Amino acid sequence: MEMENYRHFLFFLITSISIGFLSILFVLIWVFQWREGLAWDGGLAEFNWHPVLTVTGFIFVQGIAIVVYRLPWTWKCSKLMMKLIHAGLHVVAFVLAVISLVAVFDFHNYKNIPNMYSLHSWIGLTAVVLYTLQLVLGLCIYLFPMTPAFIRAAFMPIHVYSGLLIFGTVIATALMGITEKLFFALKNPAYKDSPPEAAFVNTLGLLIVVFGGTVLWMVTRPSWKRPSEEASTFKQSDGKVSSVTENELNLNSLDKTTMESSSEAWKRNLKLEEAGLRSTM
């Protein structure tokens, strides 16, 4: 990455992380100053885990998982290592999202409030279901070594698009949830009268939007993509020179004899996989 591009990327990365942490701080201040804090007792304090874990896990951690491939100082790490980090962050986000859903359903059942009646709940549950499917397919296709390279390459554009779609949907759902909560909770003064809590939580919504915008900007800049891995060359028994990526050779622990006898097969698989990987993350 050129120095100018690196500085721009670093600016957006620092801005994104700072706004993400600030969003988490804002949601914690909100629930502790105005909404009875946090507990697991079926009451309002249990419901408060929903916004806290949604912002922390489903938005912030998921956003970091999306941009982790773009971090320049990780480009020397093996592709397998980055896949594990990427998947691990998504698993953390998924677990926190599930706990946040349990808190909501438990609170509703305890208070005899109907479940799944609002647009916020419909889209939110849909996002969790799609995220689950995305996670399972990603683990099966990209971490199972027996998955053919052509399947990985074919699925990669879908994987990237659906990941960004789910991320944007989660942010939109969070904004709907914030507005819905303020309408229900603020009575005197009402939400329309712009009390301090309303202004504070509206600011939280703006922070979430900015965080999402910076993440999407970073992952859609072509100049900030992870570069193709440096190729290492070796000579076949017939004198021809072939090339494969150094990390791929290390990950598969092939000895020189095996590489020489199967170089053409490697070239075909690598071309198929890199066609998908290099055009995305």
C-alpha atoms as a PDB file:
ATOM      1  CA  MET A   1       0.000   0.000   0.000  1.00  0.00           C
ATOM      2  CA  GLU A   2       1.359   3.416  -0.943  1.00  0.00           C
ATOM      3  CA  MET A   3       2.122   5.833   1.883  1.00  0.00           C
ATOM      4  CA  GLU A   4      -0.742   8.183   0.976  1.00  0.00           C
ATOM      5  CA  ASN A   5      -3.236   5.327   0.776  1.00  0.00           C
ATOM      6  CA  TYR A   6      -1.886   3.940   4.039  1.00  0.00           C
ATOM      7  CA  ARG A   7      -2.434   7.257   5.804  1.00  0.00           C
ATOM      8  CA  HIS A   8      -5.983   7.509   4.481  1.00  0.00           C
ATOM      9  CA  PHE A   9      -6.726   3.948   5.551  1.00  0.00           C
ATOM     10  CA  LEU A  10      -5.240   4.538   8.990  1.00  0.00           C
ATOM     11  CA  PHE A  11      -7.370   7.653   9.416  1.00  0.00           C
ATOM     12  CA  PHE A  12     -10.568   5.776   8.598  1.00  0.00           C
ATOM     13  CA  LEU A  13      -9.569   2.815  10.759  1.00  0.00           C
ATOM     14  CA  ILE A  14      -8.820   4.954  13.820  1.00  0.00           C
ATOM     15  CA  THR A  15     -11.987   6.959  13.232  1.00  0.00           C
ATOM     16  CA  SER A  16     -14.073   3.818  12.883  1.00  0.00           C
ATOM     17  CA  ILE A  17     -12.708   2.144  16.020  1.00  0.00           C
ATOM     18  CA  SER A  18     -13.022   5.355  18.037  1.00  0.00           C
ATOM     19  CA  ILE A  19     -16.637   5.858  16.991  1.00  0.00           C
ATOM     20  CA  GLY A  20     -17.365   2.186  17.671  1.00  0.00           C
ATOM     21  CA  PHE A  21     -16.039   2.420  21.226  1.00  0.00           C
ATOM     22  CA  LEU A  22     -17.903   5.696  21.704  1.00  0.00           C
ATOM     23  CA  SER A  23     -21.134   4.004  20.590  1.00  0.00           C
ATOM     24  CA  ILE A  24     -20.638   1.268  23.189  1.00  0.00           C
ATOM     25  CA  LEU A  25     -19.962   3.914  25.842  1.00  0.00           C
ATOM     26  CA  PHE A  26     -23.107   5.811  24.857  1.00  0.00           C
ATOM     27  CA  VAL A  27     -25.340   2.748  25.067  1.00  0.00           C
ATOM     28  CA  LEU A  28     -23.939   1.902  28.507  1.00  0.00           C
ATOM     29  CA  ILE A  29     -24.509   5.466  29.743  1.00  0.00           C
ATOM     30  CA  TRP A  30     -28.040   5.296  28.370  1.00  0.00           C
ATOM     31  CA  VAL A  31     -29.048   2.112  30.189  1.00  0.00           C
ATOM     32  CA  PHE A  32     -27.362   3.036  33.475  1.00  0.00           C
ATOM     33  CA  GLN A  33     -28.420   6.682  33.661  1.00  0.00           C
ATOM     34  CA  TRP A  34     -31.973   6.441  32.310  1.00  0.00           C
ATOM     35  CA  ARG A  35     -33.003   2.742  32.009  1.00  0.00           C
ATOM     36  CA  GLU A  36     -32.265   0.981  35.356  1.00  0.00           C
ATOM     37  CA  GLY A  37     -28.924  -0.555  34.458  1.00  0.00           C
ATOM     38  CA  LEU A  38     -28.233  -4.228  33.715  1.00  0.00           C
ATOM     39  CA  ALA A  39     -29.460  -7.417  35.374  1.00  0.00           C
ATOM     40  CA  TRP A  40     -30.891 -10.830  34.492  1.00  0.00           C
ATOM     41  CA  ASP A  41     -34.160 -10.858  36.410  1.00  0.00           C
ATOM     42  CA  GLY A  42     -36.850 -10.661  33.729  1.00  0.00           C
ATOM     43  CA  GLY A  43     -37.304  -6.932  34.233  1.00  0.00           C
ATOM     44  CA  LEU A  44     -36.292  -3.851  32.297  1.00  0.00           C
ATOM     45  CA  ALA A  45     -32.669  -4.254  33.369  1.00  0.00           C
ATOM     46  CA  GLU A  46     -32.596  -7.617  31.580  1.00  0.00           C
ATOM     47  CA  PHE A  47     -34.054  -6.080  28.433  1.00  0.00           C
ATOM     48  CA  ASN A  48     -31.209  -3.545  28.516  1.00  0.00           C
ATOM     49  CA  TRP A  49     -28.791  -6.314  27.578  1.00  0.00           C
ATOM     50  CA  HIS A  50     -30.417  -6.238  24.151  1.00  0.00           C
ATOM     51  CA  PRO A  51     -29.178  -2.796  23.034  1.00  0.00           C
ATOM     52  CA  VAL A  52     -25.844  -3.209  24.834  1.00  0.00           C
ATOM     53  CA  LEU A  53     -24.986  -6.562  23.229  1.00  0.00           C
ATOM     54  CA  THR A  54     -26.395  -5.571  19.856  1.00  0.00           C
ATOM     55  CA  VAL A  55     -24.183  -2.488  19.632  1.00  0.00           C
ATOM     56  CA  THR A  56     -21.167  -4.277  21.095  1.00  0.00           C
ATOM     57  CA  GLY A  57     -21.373  -7.561  19.225  1.00  0.00           C
ATOM     58  CA  PHE A  58     -23.691  -7.408  16.268  1.00  0.00           C
ATOM     59  CA  ILE A  59     -22.451  -3.980  15.143  1.00  0.00           C
ATOM     60  CA  PHE A  60     -18.973  -3.233  16.509  1.00  0.00           C
ATOM     61  CA  VAL A  61     -17.420  -6.721  16.554  1.00  0.00           C
ATOM     62  CA  GLN A  62     -19.030  -7.621  13.228  1.00  0.00           C
ATOM     63  CA  GLY A  63     -17.662  -4.409  11.714  1.00  0.00           C
ATOM     64  CA  ILE A  64     -14.137  -5.227  12.887  1.00  0.00           C
ATOM     65  CA  ALA A  65     -14.491  -8.756  11.501  1.00  0.00           C
ATOM     66  CA  ILE A  66     -15.406  -7.301   8.109  1.00  0.00           C
ATOM     67  CA  VAL A  67     -12.360  -5.006   7.872  1.00  0.00           C
ATOM     68  CA  VAL A  68      -9.784  -7.356   9.399  1.00  0.00           C
ATOM     69  CA  TYR A  69      -8.581  -8.488   5.954  1.00  0.00           C
ATOM     70  CA  ARG A  70      -7.794  -4.860   5.071  1.00  0.00           C
ATOM     71  CA  LEU A  71      -5.283  -4.297   7.892  1.00  0.00           C
ATOM     72  CA  PRO A  72      -1.914  -3.815   6.111  1.00  0.00           C
ATOM     73  CA  TRP A  73       0.145  -5.182   9.012  1.00  0.00           C
ATOM     74  CA  THR A  74      -1.672  -8.528   8.677  1.00  0.00           C
ATOM     75  CA  TRP A  75      -0.844  -8.999   4.979  1.00  0.00           C
ATOM     76  CA  LYS A  76       2.259 -11.019   5.854  1.00  0.00           C
ATOM     77  CA  CYS A  77       0.142 -13.428   7.899  1.00  0.00           C
ATOM     78  CA  SER A  78      -0.998 -16.619   6.213  1.00  0.00           C
ATOM     79  CA  LYS A  79      -4.403 -16.709   4.584  1.00  0.00           C
ATOM     80  CA  LEU A  80      -5.430 -19.462   7.007  1.00  0.00           C
ATOM     81  CA  MET A  81      -4.558 -17.329  10.027  1.00  0.00           C
ATOM     82  CA  MET A  82      -6.653 -14.431   8.715  1.00  0.00           C
ATOM     83  CA  LYS A  83      -9.556 -16.776   7.972  1.00  0.00           C
ATOM     84  CA  LEU A  84      -9.468 -18.005  11.584  1.00  0.00           C
ATOM     85  CA  ILE A  85      -9.402 -14.458  12.972  1.00  0.00           C
ATOM     86  CA  HIS A  86     -12.201 -13.378  10.623  1.00  0.00           C
ATOM     87  CA  ALA A  87     -14.348 -16.387  11.557  1.00  0.00           C
ATOM     88  CA  GLY A  88     -13.563 -16.071  15.270  1.00  0.00           C
ATOM     89  CA  LEU A  89     -14.736 -12.455  15.414  1.00  0.00           C
ATOM     90  CA  HIS A  90     -17.941 -13.382  13.600  1.00  0.00           C
ATOM     91  CA  VAL A  91     -18.566 -16.213  16.082  1.00  0.00           C
ATOM     92  CA  VAL A  92     -18.182 -13.743  18.974  1.00  0.00           C
ATOM     93  CA  ALA A  93     -20.627 -11.354  17.288  1.00  0.00           C
ATOM     94  CA  PHE A  94     -23.079 -14.214  16.732  1.00  0.00           C
ATOM     95  CA  VAL A  95     -22.964 -15.359  20.377  1.00  0.00           C
ATOM     96  CA  LEU A  96     -23.569 -11.832  21.676  1.00  0.00           C
ATOM     97  CA  ALA A  97     -26.446 -11.360  19.214  1.00  0.00           C
ATOM     98  CA  VAL A  98     -28.102 -14.584  20.384  1.00  0.00           C
ATOM     99  CA  ILE A  99     -27.792 -13.573  24.051  1.00  0.00           C
ATOM    100  CA  SER A 100     -29.350 -10.201  23.210  1.00  0.00           C
ATOM    101  CA  LEU A 101     -32.308 -11.999  21.605  1.00  0.00           C
ATOM    102  CA  VAL A 102     -32.752 -14.264  24.617  1.00  0.00           C
ATOM    103  CA  ALA A 103     -32.878 -11.204  26.867  1.00  0.00           C
ATOM    104  CA  VAL A 104     -35.665  -9.650  24.773  1.00  0.00           C
ATOM    105  CA  PHE A 105     -37.829 -12.778  24.597  1.00  0.00           C
ATOM    106  CA  ASP A 106     -37.313 -13.468  28.310  1.00  0.00           C
ATOM    107  CA  PHE A 107     -38.346  -9.905  29.183  1.00  0.00           C
ATOM    108  CA  HIS A 108     -41.426 -10.024  26.945  1.00  0.00           C
ATOM    109  CA  ASN A 109     -42.545 -13.366  28.339  1.00  0.00           C
ATOM    110  CA  TYR A 110     -42.008 -12.213  31.925  1.00  0.00           C
ATOM    111  CA  LYS A 111     -44.055  -9.049  31.317  1.00  0.00           C
ATOM    112  CA  ASN A 112     -46.675 -10.787  29.096  1.00  0.00           C
ATOM    113  CA  ILE A 113     -45.731  -8.614  26.132  1.00  0.00           C
ATOM    114  CA  PRO A 114     -46.374 -10.109  22.673  1.00  0.00           C
ATOM    115  CA  ASN A 115     -43.325 -11.193  20.697  1.00  0.00           C
ATOM    116  CA  MET A 116     -42.530 -10.458  17.059  1.00  0.00           C
ATOM    117  CA  TYR A 117     -45.194  -7.834  16.370  1.00  0.00           C
ATOM    118  CA  SER A 118     -43.025  -4.935  15.146  1.00  0.00           C
ATOM    119  CA  LEU A 119     -41.080  -4.334  11.957  1.00  0.00           C
ATOM    120  CA  HIS A 120     -37.970  -3.992  14.118  1.00  0.00           C
ATOM    121  CA  SER A 121     -38.424  -7.542  15.442  1.00  0.00           C
ATOM    122  CA  TRP A 122     -39.208  -8.992  12.005  1.00  0.00           C
ATOM    123  CA  ILE A 123     -36.124  -7.566  10.327  1.00  0.00           C
ATOM    124  CA  GLY A 124     -33.941  -8.168  13.382  1.00  0.00           C
ATOM    125  CA  LEU A 125     -34.768 -11.877  13.576  1.00  0.00           C
ATOM    126  CA  THR A 126     -34.327 -12.170   9.804  1.00  0.00           C
ATOM    127  CA  ALA A 127     -30.853 -10.641  10.143  1.00  0.00           C
ATOM    128  CA  VAL A 128     -29.910 -13.143  12.856  1.00  0.00           C
ATOM    129  CA  VAL A 129     -31.137 -16.084  10.759  1.00  0.00           C
ATOM    130  CA  LEU A 130     -29.231 -14.867   7.689  1.00  0.00           C
ATOM    131  CA  TYR A 131     -26.143 -14.238   9.812  1.00  0.00           C
ATOM    132  CA  THR A 132     -26.338 -17.799  11.114  1.00  0.00           C
ATOM    133  CA  LEU A 133     -26.560 -19.159   7.578  1.00  0.00           C
ATOM    134  CA  GLN A 134     -23.705 -16.911   6.459  1.00  0.00           C
ATOM    135  CA  LEU A 135     -21.524 -18.100   9.330  1.00  0.00           C
ATOM    136  CA  VAL A 136     -22.209 -21.801   8.805  1.00  0.00           C
ATOM    137  CA  LEU A 137     -21.625 -21.644   5.050  1.00  0.00           C
ATOM    138  CA  GLY A 138     -18.478 -19.580   5.511  1.00  0.00           C
ATOM    139  CA  LEU A 139     -17.017 -22.060   7.983  1.00  0.00           C
ATOM    140  CA  CYS A 140     -17.888 -25.045   5.816  1.00  0.00           C
ATOM    141  CA  ILE A 141     -16.626 -23.583   2.546  1.00  0.00           C
ATOM    142  CA  TYR A 142     -13.539 -21.639   3.585  1.00  0.00           C
ATOM    143  CA  LEU A 143     -12.181 -23.526   6.598  1.00  0.00           C
ATOM    144  CA  PHE A 144     -12.781 -27.124   5.531  1.00  0.00           C
ATOM    145  CA  PRO A 145      -9.687 -28.090   3.498  1.00  0.00           C
ATOM    146  CA  MET A 146     -11.578 -30.598   1.370  1.00  0.00           C
ATOM    147  CA  THR A 147     -13.797 -27.927  -0.203  1.00  0.00           C
ATOM    148  CA  PRO A 148     -12.878 -27.619  -3.920  1.00  0.00           C
ATOM    149  CA  ALA A 149     -11.262 -24.350  -4.958  1.00  0.00           C
ATOM    150  CA  PHE A 150     -13.841 -23.679  -7.670  1.00  0.00           C
ATOM    151  CA  ILE A 151     -16.636 -23.746  -5.063  1.00  0.00           C
ATOM    152  CA  ARG A 152     -14.753 -21.248  -2.890  1.00  0.00           C
ATOM    153  CA  ALA A 153     -14.196 -18.942  -5.846  1.00  0.00           C
ATOM    154  CA  ALA A 154     -17.820 -19.167  -7.023  1.00  0.00           C
ATOM    155  CA  PHE A 155     -19.255 -18.512  -3.558  1.00  0.00           C
ATOM    156  CA  MET A 156     -16.921 -15.643  -2.619  1.00  0.00           C
ATOM    157  CA  PRO A 157     -18.886 -12.789  -4.319  1.00  0.00           C
ATOM    158  CA  ILE A 158     -22.071 -14.034  -2.639  1.00  0.00           C
ATOM    159  CA  HIS A 159     -20.297 -14.324   0.715  1.00  0.00           C
ATOM    160  CA  VAL A 160     -18.972 -10.767   0.524  1.00  0.00           C
ATOM    161  CA  TYR A 161     -22.218  -9.215  -0.722  1.00  0.00           C
ATOM    162  CA  SER A 162     -24.396 -10.998   1.837  1.00  0.00           C
ATOM    163  CA  GLY A 163     -22.002 -10.041   4.637  1.00  0.00           C
ATOM    164  CA  LEU A 164     -22.239  -6.348   3.788  1.00  0.00           C
ATOM    165  CA  LEU A 165     -26.001  -6.615   3.304  1.00  0.00           C
ATOM    166  CA  ILE A 166     -26.455  -8.206   6.725  1.00  0.00           C
ATOM    167  CA  PHE A 167     -24.198  -5.599   8.344  1.00  0.00           C
ATOM    168  CA  GLY A 168     -26.223  -2.753   6.832  1.00  0.00           C
ATOM    169  CA  THR A 169     -29.477  -4.469   7.806  1.00  0.00           C
ATOM    170  CA  VAL A 170     -28.338  -4.822  11.420  1.00  0.00           C
ATOM    171  CA  ILE A 171     -27.548  -1.102  11.591  1.00  0.00           C
ATOM    172  CA  ALA A 172     -30.949  -0.201  10.124  1.00  0.00           C
ATOM    173  CA  THR A 173     -32.645  -2.551  12.596  1.00  0.00           C
ATOM    174  CA  ALA A 174     -30.769  -0.983  15.510  1.00  0.00           C
ATOM    175  CA  LEU A 175     -31.962   2.483  14.471  1.00  0.00           C
ATOM    176  CA  MET A 176     -35.551   1.233  14.311  1.00  0.00           C
ATOM    177  CA  GLY A 177     -35.163  -0.336  17.738  1.00  0.00           C
ATOM    178  CA  ILE A 178     -33.776   2.846  19.263  1.00  0.00           C
ATOM    179  CA  THR A 179     -36.679   4.900  17.920  1.00  0.00           C
ATOM    180  CA  GLU A 180     -39.238   2.310  18.979  1.00  0.00           C
ATOM    181  CA  LYS A 181     -37.822   2.173  22.517  1.00  0.00           C
ATOM    182  CA  LEU A 182     -37.873   5.939  22.907  1.00  0.00           C
ATOM    183  CA  PHE A 183     -41.488   6.147  21.698  1.00  0.00           C
ATOM    184  CA  PHE A 184     -42.550   3.549  24.262  1.00  0.00           C
ATOM    185  CA  ALA A 185     -40.407   4.700  27.184  1.00  0.00           C
ATOM    186  CA  LEU A 186     -40.703   8.481  27.054  1.00  0.00           C
ATOM    187  CA  LYS A 187     -44.090   9.654  28.305  1.00  0.00           C
ATOM    188  CA  ASN A 188     -43.606  12.798  30.354  1.00  0.00           C
ATOM    189  CA  PRO A 189     -41.877  14.556  28.720  1.00  0.00           C
ATOM    190  CA  ALA A 190     -42.654  12.748  25.492  1.00  0.00           C
ATOM    191  CA  TYR A 191     -40.195  11.890  22.749  1.00  0.00           C
ATOM    192  CA  LYS A 192     -41.561  14.712  20.581  1.00  0.00           C
ATOM    193  CA  ASP A 193     -40.566  17.229  23.263  1.00  0.00           C
ATOM    194  CA  SER A 194     -36.868  16.277  22.859  1.00  0.00           C
ATOM    195  CA  PRO A 195     -35.915  15.552  26.487  1.00  0.00           C
ATOM    196  CA  PRO A 196     -32.208  14.985  27.274  1.00  0.00           C
ATOM    197  CA  GLU A 197     -32.538  11.197  26.957  1.00  0.00           C
ATOM    198  CA  ALA A 198     -34.031  11.515  23.476  1.00  0.00           C
ATOM    199  CA  ALA A 199     -31.239  13.820  22.280  1.00  0.00           C
ATOM    200  CA  PHE A 200     -28.588  11.581  23.803  1.00  0.00           C
ATOM    201  CA  VAL A 201     -29.934   8.381  22.244  1.00  0.00           C
ATOM    202  CA  ASN A 202     -30.475  10.073  18.876  1.00  0.00           C
ATOM    203  CA  THR A 203     -26.767  10.928  19.005  1.00  0.00           C
ATOM    204  CA  LEU A 204     -26.065   7.249  19.659  1.00  0.00           C
ATOM    205  CA  GLY A 205     -27.966   6.456  16.461  1.00  0.00           C
ATOM    206  CA  LEU A 206     -25.844   8.933  14.509  1.00  0.00           C
ATOM    207  CA  LEU A 207     -22.668   7.356  15.879  1.00  0.00           C
ATOM    208  CA  ILE A 208     -23.828   3.908  14.749  1.00  0.00           C
ATOM    209  CA  VAL A 209     -24.520   5.240  11.249  1.00  0.00           C
ATOM    210  CA  VAL A 210     -21.083   6.872  11.018  1.00  0.00           C
ATOM    211  CA  PHE A 211     -19.401   3.693  12.257  1.00  0.00           C
ATOM    212  CA  GLY A 212     -21.210   1.650   9.622  1.00  0.00           C
ATOM    213  CA  GLY A 213     -20.341   4.194   6.946  1.00  0.00           C
ATOM    214  CA  THR A 214     -16.622   4.113   7.735  1.00  0.00           C
ATOM    215  CA  VAL A 215     -16.573   0.300   7.737  1.00  0.00           C
ATOM    216  CA  LEU A 216     -18.341   0.122   4.381  1.00  0.00           C
ATOM    217  CA  TRP A 217     -16.009   2.750   2.931  1.00  0.00           C
ATOM    218  CA  MET A 218     -12.910   0.821   3.991  1.00  0.00           C
ATOM    219  CA  VAL A 219     -14.074  -2.494   2.555  1.00  0.00           C
ATOM    220  CA  THR A 220     -15.173  -1.021  -0.781  1.00  0.00           C
ATOM    221  CA  ARG A 221     -11.930   0.793  -1.676  1.00  0.00           C
ATOM    222  CA  PRO A 222     -10.124  -1.273  -4.370  1.00  0.00           C
ATOM    223  CA  SER A 223      -6.745   0.214  -3.421  1.00  0.00           C
ATOM    224  CA  TRP A 224      -7.122  -1.076   0.154  1.00  0.00           C
ATOM    225  CA  LYS A 225      -7.654  -4.722  -0.741  1.00  0.00           C
ATOM    226  CA  ARG A 226      -5.351  -7.379   0.599  1.00  0.00           C
ATOM    227  CA  PRO A 227      -2.775  -7.916  -2.197  1.00  0.00           C
ATOM    228  CA  SER A 228      -2.196 -11.269  -3.818  1.00  0.00           C
ATOM    229  CA  GLU A 229       0.370 -13.333  -1.978  1.00  0.00           C
ATOM    230  CA  GLU A 230       3.927 -13.196  -3.305  1.00  0.00           C
ATOM    231  CA  ALA A 231       4.644 -16.071  -5.636  1.00  0.00           C
ATOM    232  CA  SER A 232       7.541 -18.421  -5.206  1.00  0.00           C
ATOM    233  CA  THR A 233       8.853 -20.325  -8.201  1.00  0.00           C
ATOM    234  CA  PHE A 234      10.222 -23.790  -8.613  1.00  0.00           C
ATOM    235  CA  LYS A 235      11.469 -25.805 -11.547  1.00  0.00           C
ATOM    236  CA  GLN A 236       9.768 -28.940 -12.755  1.00  0.00           C
ATOM    237  CA  SER A 237      11.600 -32.053 -13.863  1.00  0.00           C
ATOM    238  CA  ASP A 238      11.115 -31.078 -17.524  1.00  0.00           C
ATOM    239  CA  GLY A 239      12.744 -27.697 -16.981  1.00  0.00           C
ATOM    240  CA  LYS A 240       9.573 -25.598 -17.046  1.00  0.00           C
ATOM    241  CA  VAL A 241       9.033 -22.984 -14.356  1.00  0.00           C
ATOM    242  CA  SER A 242       5.781 -22.876 -12.430  1.00  0.00           C
ATOM    243  CA  SER A 243       4.625 -20.666  -9.595  1.00  0.00           C
ATOM    244  CA  VAL A 244       2.440 -21.004  -6.543  1.00  0.00           C
ATOM    245  CA  THR A 245       1.971 -18.698  -3.585  1.00  0.00           C
ATOM    246  CA  GLU A 246       4.411 -19.117  -0.752  1.00  0.00           C
ATOM    247  CA  ASN A 247       1.719 -19.237   1.906  1.00  0.00           C
ATOM    248  CA  GLU A 248      -0.223 -21.877   0.023  1.00  0.00           C
ATOM    249  CA  LEU A 249       2.883 -24.040  -0.099  1.00  0.00           C
ATOM    250  CA  ASN A 250       3.518 -23.629   3.605  1.00  0.00           C
ATOM    251  CA  LEU A 251      -0.086 -24.307   4.579  1.00  0.00           C
ATOM    252  CA  ASN A 252      -0.277 -27.535   2.617  1.00  0.00           C
ATOM    253  CA  SER A 253       3.237 -28.723   3.630  1.00  0.00           C
ATOM    254  CA  LEU A 254       4.060 -30.107   0.213  1.00  0.00           C
ATOM    255  CA  ASP A 255       7.545 -31.400  -0.368  1.00  0.00           C
ATOM    256  CA  LYS A 256       9.458 -30.470  -3.494  1.00  0.00           C
ATOM    257  CA  THR A 257       8.877 -33.775  -5.227  1.00  0.00           C
ATOM    258  CA  THR A 258       5.104 -33.547  -4.779  1.00  0.00           C
ATOM    259  CA  MET A 259       5.053 -29.972  -6.020  1.00  0.00           C
ATOM    260  CA  GLU A 260       7.015 -30.821  -9.135  1.00  0.00           C
ATOM    261  CA  SER A 261       4.668 -33.648 -10.063  1.00  0.00           C
ATOM    262  CA  SER A 262       1.438 -31.714  -9.431  1.00  0.00           C
ATOM    263  CA  SER A 263       2.290 -28.164 -10.451  1.00  0.00           C
ATOM    264  CA  GLU A 264      -0.287 -27.967 -13.219  1.00  0.00           C
ATOM    265  CA  ALA A 265      -3.100 -29.044 -10.884  1.00  0.00           C
ATOM    266  CA  TRP A 266      -1.964 -26.429  -8.368  1.00  0.00           C
ATOM    267  CA  LYS A 267      -2.000 -23.714 -11.014  1.00  0.00           C
ATOM    268  CA  ARG A 268      -5.567 -24.573 -12.020  1.00  0.00           C
ATOM    269  CA  ASN A 269      -6.844 -24.564  -8.415  1.00  0.00           C
ATOM    270  CA  LEU A 270      -5.019 -21.387  -7.472  1.00  0.00           C
ATOM    271  CA  LYS A 271      -6.342 -19.496 -10.484  1.00  0.00           C
ATOM    272  CA  LEU A 272      -9.901 -20.490  -9.581  1.00  0.00           C
ATOM    273  CA  GLU A 273      -9.562 -19.539  -5.932  1.00  0.00           C
ATOM    274  CA  GLU A 274      -7.653 -16.299  -6.459  1.00  0.00           C
ATOM    275  CA  ALA A 275     -10.227 -15.204  -9.052  1.00  0.00           C
ATOM    276  CA  GLY A 276     -12.712 -14.995  -6.194  1.00  0.00           C
ATOM    277  CA  LEU A 277     -10.462 -13.986  -3.316  1.00  0.00           C
ATOM    278  CA  ARG A 278      -8.490 -11.209  -5.004  1.00  0.00           C
ATOM    279  CA  SER A 279     -11.631  -9.524  -6.314  1.00  0.00           C
ATOM    280  CA  THR A 280     -13.081  -9.267  -2.823  1.00  0.00           C
ATOM    281  CA  MET A 281     -11.342  -9.405   0.513  1.00  0.00           C
END
